[in-house]
Amino acid sequence: MIRDRCENRRFLTRRQAIAAGGTATLAAFAGCLSTNSDDNPSEEGSGSSDNDESDWSGDATTVDTDHPYTTQPEIINLSETDGTVTLDTVNCRHQLLDESVAGGPWELPEVWAWKADDGDPSVPGPILRTTEGEDLEITYHNSHERPHTFHVHALGKSWMDDGTPTTTGKQVNPGEEQTYEVDTDVPGTHLYHCHYQTQTHLDLGMYGLVRVDPKEYDQPDKEFFLTIKEWDTRLSATTAGGDVSYSHRDRNPDAFTMNGRAAPYTLHPEDGSPLIVTEGDRVRIHIANTGYESHPIHLHSHRFEVVEKDGGVVPPAGRHKEDVTNIAPAERKTIEFVADADPGLYPMHCHKVHHVMNEDSYPGGMLTGIVYESAMETEQFDELMEMAGFDE
């Protein structure tokens, strides 16, 4: 059954939302090359659906599963755990739009969500944060019913810790575990994901971020993490047992998200990823494209500089002011700007404008907002919060 989470939701006031925001903590609210073929999405999924042909309506939300819902990703400070963490995978149901949101509910009936230690599963997965020079031991304990691996971009590791079954001959089968030793030799923001049957596992939510701060990290006033992704909801539906055919060669995305949510749910201060700022703040946003298509990200009324790309610092002489930057699949960019616009509410969105839609409804999809604190008492903000399903 589709579960009603509203009974247990703890709503924040606007001022509490701001207090809970700030640096990276707001993100905690928010927001394969294997030759094996046993993850064919056309096979029966792991959901508990009894759907027959008459049940499929073209809306993945109608596919019934009894999975728990995902939560928002948490930030794991690996400097406080001696560089160790244990990850696992959980079958979950995922809300693109909550039922209280304009256009909702809209859900993915099955995703494969990462979880860390005793935390809750999330899509995207937990943000693993550390400092340059700290050795990491990332243990993947597989309690899921399918093989998986852990693969991280850019960071140094041995051949057998690369997490790619085709070239290592190693995967973590159900009931097994492997500890991956990873060097934090490349400061920056990096993508991690399962590299077993990647075309399916990544597209069902098995992705997250590793943030390696340089030893002398210049902390901004506000800092945010955003993953951007497009989804073909048929993959989730067929994995969950829905009567719909799917081929990766026929992938046709119909959902577009930031930190796993579609607008206007992205603007929800508790469940989404609004960028809440104060006039004069130096703002830093780490953006990673976890999908399969490029996305040109545009900020209204703010010009930014790209200060990092894929773990490399862009030299000051190579930076320039811009308002749109294209982000390719698996690419990571860190942008920085000063909140110096007329205080108000400003969109941040993909400029492939059909990606800013929920099916045939505009606006939606891959859009969030820069929200000035002083604009949070306005009629316009109230209207946005109503659309986003946020109730004081």
Protein backbone atom coordinates (compact mmCIF):
# COMPACT_ATOMS: atom_id res chain seq x y z
CA MET A 1 0.00 0.00 0.00
CA ILE A 2 1.01 3.60 -0.54
CA ARG A 3 1.76 4.79 2.95
CA ASP A 4 0.51 8.02 4.51
CA ARG A 5 3.50 9.75 6.08
CA CYS A 6 1.60 12.92 6.95
CA GLU A 7 0.51 11.54 10.33
CA ASN A 8 4.09 11.35 11.49
CA ARG A 9 5.53 14.43 9.79
CA ARG A 10 7.08 17.01 12.10
CA PHE A 11 6.56 20.40 10.51
CA LEU A 12 8.92 23.31 11.18
CA THR A 13 8.10 26.96 11.37
CA ARG A 14 9.85 29.17 8.85
CA ARG A 15 12.28 30.46 11.45
CA GLN A 16 13.03 26.91 12.64
CA ALA A 17 13.69 25.93 9.04
CA ILE A 18 16.22 28.72 8.76
CA ALA A 19 17.87 27.72 12.02
CA ALA A 20 18.04 24.13 10.79
CA GLY A 21 19.56 25.37 7.54
CA GLY A 22 22.79 27.20 7.19
CA THR A 23 25.83 25.32 6.05
CA ALA A 24 25.74 21.74 4.94
CA THR A 25 23.12 20.75 7.51
CA LEU A 26 20.33 21.85 5.20
CA ALA A 27 21.44 19.17 2.80
CA ALA A 28 20.71 16.66 5.53
CA PHE A 29 17.06 17.65 5.22
CA ALA A 30 16.98 17.53 1.53
CA GLY A 31 17.97 17.00 0.36
CA CYS A 32 28.16 -1.42 -14.70
CA LEU A 33 30.35 -2.94 -16.71
CA SER A 34 29.53 -6.39 -15.38
CA THR A 35 28.83 -9.00 -18.02
CA ASN A 36 26.27 -10.72 -15.76
CA SER A 37 22.64 -10.20 -16.75
CA ASP A 38 20.61 -11.27 -13.73
CA ASP A 39 19.29 -7.72 -13.24
CA ASN A 40 17.14 -7.68 -16.36
CA PRO A 41 14.42 -5.16 -15.49
CA SER A 42 11.89 -7.10 -17.51
CA GLU A 43 12.10 -9.94 -15.00
CA GLU A 44 9.81 -10.06 -11.98
CA GLY A 45 10.80 -7.39 -9.47
CA SER A 46 11.25 -7.64 -5.72
CA GLY A 47 8.09 -5.71 -4.78
CA SER A 48 5.07 -7.41 -3.30
CA SER A 49 2.80 -6.38 -6.16
CA ASP A 50 0.02 -8.64 -7.40
CA ASN A 51 -0.54 -6.41 -10.40
CA ASP A 52 -1.85 -7.91 -13.61
CA GLU A 53 -2.10 -6.28 -17.01
CA SER A 54 -5.22 -4.31 -16.08
CA ASP A 55 -3.43 -2.67 -13.12
CA TRP A 56 -0.91 -0.66 -15.16
CA SER A 57 -2.14 2.87 -15.79
CA GLY A 58 1.07 4.46 -17.02
CA ASP A 59 1.67 6.00 -13.56
CA ALA A 60 4.38 4.29 -11.49
CA THR A 61 2.65 5.51 -8.32
CA THR A 62 -0.13 2.98 -8.86
CA VAL A 63 2.26 0.02 -8.54
CA ASP A 64 1.74 -1.28 -5.03
CA THR A 65 4.70 -2.16 -2.76
CA ASP A 66 5.11 -2.49 0.99
CA HIS A 67 8.64 -1.03 1.07
CA PRO A 68 9.56 1.66 3.62
CA TYR A 69 9.91 5.19 2.32
CA THR A 70 13.29 6.81 1.77
CA THR A 71 14.34 9.70 3.98
CA GLN A 72 16.53 12.71 3.23
CA PRO A 73 20.28 12.04 3.03
CA GLU A 74 22.33 12.57 6.16
CA ILE A 75 25.89 13.87 6.29
CA ILE A 76 28.31 11.35 7.81
CA ASN A 77 31.41 13.05 9.22
CA LEU A 78 34.02 10.36 8.71
CA SER A 79 36.57 12.42 10.64
CA GLU A 80 34.54 11.48 13.73
CA THR A 81 34.50 7.74 12.93
CA ASP A 82 38.22 7.24 12.23
CA GLY A 83 37.37 7.07 8.53
CA THR A 84 35.13 4.01 8.82
CA VAL A 85 31.53 3.50 7.73
CA THR A 86 29.38 0.51 6.82
CA LEU A 87 26.97 0.82 3.91
CA ASP A 88 24.06 -1.37 2.89
CA THR A 89 21.21 -1.35 0.37
CA VAL A 90 17.48 -1.35 1.15
CA ASN A 91 14.45 -1.73 -1.13
CA CYS A 92 12.43 1.45 -0.62
CA ARG A 93 9.57 3.46 -2.01
CA HIS A 94 10.51 7.01 -3.00
CA GLN A 95 8.44 10.19 -3.18
CA LEU A 96 9.05 12.50 -6.11
CA LEU A 97 6.05 14.53 -4.91
CA ASP A 98 4.36 14.05 -1.55
CA GLU A 99 0.58 13.75 -1.53
CA SER A 100 0.34 17.20 0.10
CA VAL A 101 2.26 18.79 -2.80
CA ALA A 102 0.63 20.33 -5.84
CA GLY A 103 0.43 17.53 -8.44
CA GLY A 104 1.17 14.80 -5.89
CA PRO A 105 1.42 12.08 -4.96
CA TRP A 106 4.00 10.90 -7.49
CA GLU A 107 6.19 8.02 -6.41
CA LEU A 108 8.76 5.49 -7.52
CA PRO A 109 7.45 2.14 -6.20
CA GLU A 110 10.93 0.66 -5.83
CA VAL A 111 14.37 2.18 -5.50
CA TRP A 112 17.54 0.62 -4.12
CA ALA A 113 18.68 3.06 -1.44
CA TRP A 114 22.03 3.30 0.30
CA LYS A 115 22.07 3.46 4.10
CA ALA A 116 24.99 4.09 6.45
CA ASP A 117 25.45 2.19 9.71
CA ASP A 118 22.22 2.50 11.73
CA GLY A 119 20.91 5.41 9.65
CA ASP A 120 17.89 5.49 7.38
CA PRO A 121 18.02 4.65 3.66
CA SER A 122 17.98 7.62 1.29
CA VAL A 123 18.10 8.64 -2.38
CA PRO A 124 20.59 10.16 -2.92
CA GLY A 125 22.66 8.16 -0.47
CA PRO A 126 24.37 9.63 2.61
CA ILE A 127 27.01 12.28 2.04
CA LEU A 128 30.34 10.91 3.25
CA ARG A 129 32.44 13.88 4.39
CA THR A 130 36.09 13.81 5.36
CA THR A 131 39.32 15.79 5.16
CA GLU A 132 42.23 15.41 2.79
CA GLY A 133 44.79 12.89 4.02
CA GLU A 134 42.44 10.76 6.12
CA ASP A 135 42.40 7.08 5.09
CA LEU A 136 38.93 5.61 4.60
CA GLU A 137 37.65 2.09 5.18
CA ILE A 138 34.23 1.78 3.59
CA THR A 139 32.64 -1.57 4.29
CA TYR A 140 29.78 -2.68 2.08
CA HIS A 141 27.62 -5.27 3.88
CA ASN A 142 25.11 -6.64 1.40
CA SER A 143 21.80 -7.60 2.99
CA HIS A 144 20.05 -6.99 -0.35
CA GLU A 145 18.94 -9.81 -2.63
CA ARG A 146 21.21 -8.78 -5.53
CA PRO A 147 24.97 -8.36 -6.00
CA HIS A 148 26.41 -4.86 -5.59
CA THR A 149 29.72 -3.00 -5.33
CA PHE A 150 31.01 0.35 -4.09
CA HIS A 151 32.84 2.50 -6.64
CA VAL A 152 34.02 6.07 -6.03
CA HIS A 153 35.30 8.49 -8.64
CA ALA A 154 38.70 10.26 -8.53
CA LEU A 155 40.00 8.96 -5.20
CA GLY A 156 42.96 6.59 -5.04
CA LYS A 157 42.46 2.93 -4.32
CA SER A 158 43.98 -0.45 -5.18
CA TRP A 159 42.87 -2.42 -8.23
CA MET A 160 40.77 -4.82 -6.13
CA ASP A 161 39.07 -1.88 -4.38
CA ASP A 162 37.90 -0.23 -7.60
CA GLY A 163 34.48 -1.87 -7.33
CA THR A 164 34.16 -2.81 -11.01
CA PRO A 165 33.35 -6.52 -11.50
CA THR A 166 34.35 -6.64 -15.17
CA THR A 167 37.98 -5.76 -14.46
CA THR A 168 38.38 -7.03 -10.89
CA GLY A 169 36.26 -10.19 -11.03
CA LYS A 170 34.86 -9.18 -7.63
CA GLN A 171 31.33 -8.31 -6.52
CA VAL A 172 29.60 -8.39 -3.15
CA ASN A 173 26.97 -11.09 -3.30
CA PRO A 174 23.93 -11.22 -0.99
CA GLY A 175 25.03 -11.96 2.58
CA GLU A 176 28.66 -11.02 1.89
CA GLU A 177 30.70 -7.91 2.66
CA GLN A 178 33.84 -6.20 1.41
CA THR A 179 35.89 -3.39 2.91
CA TYR A 180 37.15 -0.86 0.38
CA GLU A 181 40.27 1.07 1.36
CA VAL A 182 40.17 4.53 -0.20
CA ASP A 183 42.72 7.35 -0.14
CA THR A 184 41.51 10.93 0.27
CA ASP A 185 44.22 12.18 -2.05
CA VAL A 186 41.97 14.35 -4.24
CA PRO A 187 40.11 17.11 -2.41
CA GLY A 188 36.73 17.92 -3.88
CA THR A 189 33.25 16.50 -4.39
CA HIS A 190 33.10 12.98 -5.79
CA LEU A 191 30.42 10.57 -6.94
CA TYR A 192 30.02 7.08 -5.54
CA HIS A 193 27.71 4.41 -6.92
CA CYS A 194 27.21 0.70 -7.42
CA HIS A 195 29.14 -0.52 -10.47
CA TYR A 196 27.42 -3.88 -10.85
CA GLN A 197 24.98 -3.73 -13.77
CA THR A 198 25.33 0.03 -13.54
CA GLN A 199 22.70 0.80 -16.15
CA THR A 200 20.09 -0.54 -13.71
CA HIS A 201 21.57 -0.05 -10.25
CA LEU A 202 22.57 3.60 -10.69
CA ASP A 203 19.22 4.35 -12.30
CA LEU A 204 17.40 2.83 -9.30
CA GLY A 205 19.04 5.24 -6.87
CA MET A 206 22.37 3.68 -5.88
CA TYR A 207 24.39 6.90 -5.95
CA GLY A 208 25.74 9.40 -3.42
CA LEU A 209 28.53 11.90 -2.75
CA VAL A 210 31.91 11.84 -1.04
CA ARG A 211 33.16 15.26 -0.02
CA VAL A 212 36.88 15.60 0.71
CA ASP A 213 37.66 19.00 2.20
CA PRO A 214 41.19 20.33 1.67
CA LYS A 215 43.29 20.51 4.82
CA GLU A 216 42.82 24.27 5.10
CA TYR A 217 39.20 24.50 4.02
CA ASP A 218 37.80 28.00 3.57
CA GLN A 219 34.27 27.53 4.90
CA PRO A 220 31.63 29.69 3.16
CA ASP A 221 28.71 31.33 4.91
CA LYS A 222 26.26 28.87 3.35
CA GLU A 223 27.03 25.52 1.71
CA PHE A 224 24.71 23.14 -0.12
CA PHE A 225 24.90 19.78 -1.91
CA LEU A 226 22.70 19.06 -4.93
CA THR A 227 22.43 15.95 -7.08
CA ILE A 228 20.56 16.32 -10.34
CA LYS A 229 19.00 13.38 -12.16
CA GLU A 230 16.43 12.37 -14.75
CA TRP A 231 14.38 9.18 -14.37
CA ASP A 232 12.36 6.89 -16.60
CA THR A 233 9.78 5.81 -14.04
CA ARG A 234 9.02 2.63 -16.01
CA LEU A 235 12.24 1.08 -14.69
CA SER A 236 11.10 1.45 -11.08
CA ALA A 237 7.62 0.25 -11.99
CA THR A 238 8.77 -2.92 -13.73
CA THR A 239 11.33 -3.66 -11.00
CA ALA A 240 8.49 -3.46 -8.48
CA GLY A 241 6.39 -5.93 -10.48
CA GLY A 242 4.31 -3.50 -12.54
CA ASP A 243 3.05 -4.74 -15.89
CA VAL A 244 5.12 -2.49 -18.12
CA SER A 245 7.96 -3.35 -20.47
CA TYR A 246 11.26 -1.48 -20.23
CA SER A 247 14.52 -1.47 -22.16
CA HIS A 248 17.53 0.69 -21.36
CA ARG A 249 17.84 1.25 -25.11
CA ASP A 250 14.39 2.84 -24.99
CA ARG A 251 15.04 5.01 -21.93
CA ASN A 252 12.76 8.06 -22.07
CA PRO A 253 12.88 10.13 -18.86
CA ASP A 254 9.63 11.50 -17.52
CA ALA A 255 10.79 12.71 -14.07
CA PHE A 256 13.51 15.26 -13.29
CA THR A 257 14.81 15.85 -9.79
CA MET A 258 17.14 17.74 -7.47
CA ASN A 259 18.21 15.65 -4.49
CA GLY A 260 15.61 13.10 -5.49
CA ARG A 261 12.62 15.46 -5.42
CA ALA A 262 10.68 17.17 -8.20
CA ALA A 263 9.49 20.77 -7.91
CA PRO A 264 7.56 22.14 -6.12
CA TYR A 265 8.50 19.53 -3.48
CA THR A 266 12.13 20.67 -3.88
CA LEU A 267 11.12 23.93 -2.17
CA HIS A 268 9.87 22.21 0.99
CA PRO A 269 12.20 23.42 3.80
CA GLU A 270 12.15 20.03 5.54
CA ASP A 271 11.86 17.48 2.74
CA GLY A 272 13.34 19.43 -0.17
CA SER A 273 16.44 21.50 -0.92
CA PRO A 274 15.67 25.23 -0.96
CA LEU A 275 18.80 27.38 -0.79
CA ILE A 276 18.05 29.67 2.18
CA VAL A 277 20.45 32.62 2.29
CA THR A 278 20.93 36.00 3.95
CA GLU A 279 22.00 39.16 2.16
CA GLY A 280 25.77 39.25 1.72
CA ASP A 281 26.32 35.52 2.27
CA ARG A 282 29.11 33.82 0.36
CA VAL A 283 27.29 30.77 -0.99
CA ARG A 284 28.89 27.53 -2.23
CA ILE A 285 26.92 24.79 -4.00
CA HIS A 286 28.38 21.37 -4.83
CA ILE A 287 26.45 19.95 -7.80
CA ALA A 288 26.76 16.42 -9.19
CA ASN A 289 24.98 14.99 -12.22
CA THR A 290 23.94 11.45 -11.29
CA GLY A 291 21.85 10.89 -14.41
CA TYR A 292 22.62 9.95 -18.00
CA GLU A 293 21.90 13.28 -19.73
CA SER A 294 23.61 16.66 -19.51
CA HIS A 295 21.84 19.46 -17.64
CA PRO A 296 22.59 23.19 -18.05
CA ILE A 297 21.96 24.68 -14.60
CA HIS A 298 20.88 28.32 -14.49
CA LEU A 299 20.59 30.72 -11.55
CA HIS A 300 18.27 33.71 -11.73
CA SER A 301 19.68 37.14 -10.77
CA HIS A 302 22.99 35.74 -9.48
CA ARG A 303 26.28 35.34 -11.33
CA PHE A 304 28.62 32.68 -10.03
CA GLU A 305 32.08 31.28 -10.61
CA VAL A 306 32.92 27.60 -11.03
CA VAL A 307 35.60 27.11 -8.38
CA GLU A 308 35.99 23.29 -8.52
CA LYS A 309 35.45 20.68 -11.20
CA ASP A 310 35.72 16.92 -10.62
CA GLY A 311 38.03 17.39 -7.66
CA GLY A 312 40.26 19.98 -9.32
CA VAL A 313 40.38 23.56 -8.10
CA VAL A 314 39.85 26.01 -10.94
CA PRO A 315 42.66 28.61 -10.71
CA PRO A 316 41.39 32.16 -10.13
CA ALA A 317 42.76 33.19 -13.51
CA GLY A 318 40.56 30.56 -15.15
CA ARG A 319 37.31 31.65 -13.53
CA HIS A 320 34.72 34.03 -14.89
CA LYS A 321 31.26 35.20 -13.93
CA GLU A 322 28.41 33.21 -15.49
CA ASP A 323 24.77 32.37 -14.87
CA VAL A 324 24.49 28.96 -16.54
CA THR A 325 26.84 25.97 -16.52
CA ASN A 326 26.41 22.64 -18.26
CA ILE A 327 26.97 19.54 -16.14
CA ALA A 328 27.61 16.26 -17.95
CA PRO A 329 26.78 12.80 -16.57
CA ALA A 330 28.98 12.00 -13.52
CA GLU A 331 30.48 15.50 -13.66
CA ARG A 332 30.77 17.53 -10.47
CA LYS A 333 31.03 21.29 -10.28
CA THR A 334 31.25 23.56 -7.28
CA ILE A 335 29.90 27.04 -7.87
CA GLU A 336 30.22 30.08 -5.64
CA PHE A 337 28.46 33.45 -5.55
CA VAL A 338 27.56 36.29 -3.21
CA ALA A 339 23.91 36.69 -2.28
CA ASP A 340 23.76 40.27 -3.52
CA ALA A 341 20.49 40.35 -5.48
CA ASP A 342 17.39 42.27 -4.48
CA PRO A 343 16.25 40.04 -1.56
CA GLY A 344 13.51 37.78 -2.83
CA LEU A 345 12.83 34.33 -4.30
CA TYR A 346 14.84 33.22 -7.34
CA PRO A 347 14.67 29.96 -9.34
CA MET A 348 17.63 27.66 -9.92
CA HIS A 349 16.84 25.15 -12.64
CA CYS A 350 17.88 23.12 -15.66
CA HIS A 351 17.56 25.23 -18.80
CA LYS A 352 16.42 22.32 -20.91
CA VAL A 353 13.05 23.72 -20.05
CA HIS A 354 11.15 20.48 -20.69
CA HIS A 355 13.16 19.15 -17.73
CA VAL A 356 11.34 21.71 -15.56
CA MET A 357 8.06 19.83 -15.92
CA ASN A 358 6.21 17.05 -14.12
CA GLU A 359 4.86 15.08 -17.07
CA ASP A 360 2.84 17.78 -18.93
CA SER A 361 2.74 20.26 -16.03
CA TYR A 362 5.01 23.34 -15.86
CA PRO A 363 6.77 24.40 -13.69
CA GLY A 364 8.06 21.32 -11.92
CA GLY A 365 10.92 18.88 -12.25
CA MET A 366 14.54 19.98 -11.94
CA LEU A 367 14.01 23.28 -10.15
CA THR A 368 14.68 24.67 -6.70
CA GLY A 369 14.98 28.21 -5.38
CA ILE A 370 17.34 30.71 -3.80
CA VAL A 371 15.30 31.99 -0.87
CA TYR A 372 16.36 35.14 0.97
CA GLU A 373 15.49 34.99 4.65
CA SER A 374 13.98 38.45 4.54
CA ALA A 375 11.56 37.30 1.81
CA MET A 376 10.12 34.49 3.93
CA GLU A 377 7.38 36.70 5.35
CA THR A 378 5.96 37.59 1.94
CA GLU A 379 2.76 36.52 0.22
CA GLN A 380 4.81 35.02 -2.60
CA PHE A 381 6.69 32.78 -0.18
CA ASP A 382 3.42 31.67 1.41
CA GLU A 383 2.11 30.66 -2.00
CA LEU A 384 5.25 28.67 -2.78
CA MET A 385 5.08 26.88 0.56
CA GLU A 386 1.47 25.96 -0.09
CA MET A 387 2.46 24.46 -3.45
CA ALA A 388 5.35 22.61 -1.77
CA GLY A 389 3.05 21.13 0.88
CA PHE A 390 4.73 22.95 3.76
CA ASP A 391 2.37 23.79 6.60
CA GLU A 392 3.49 25.75 9.65
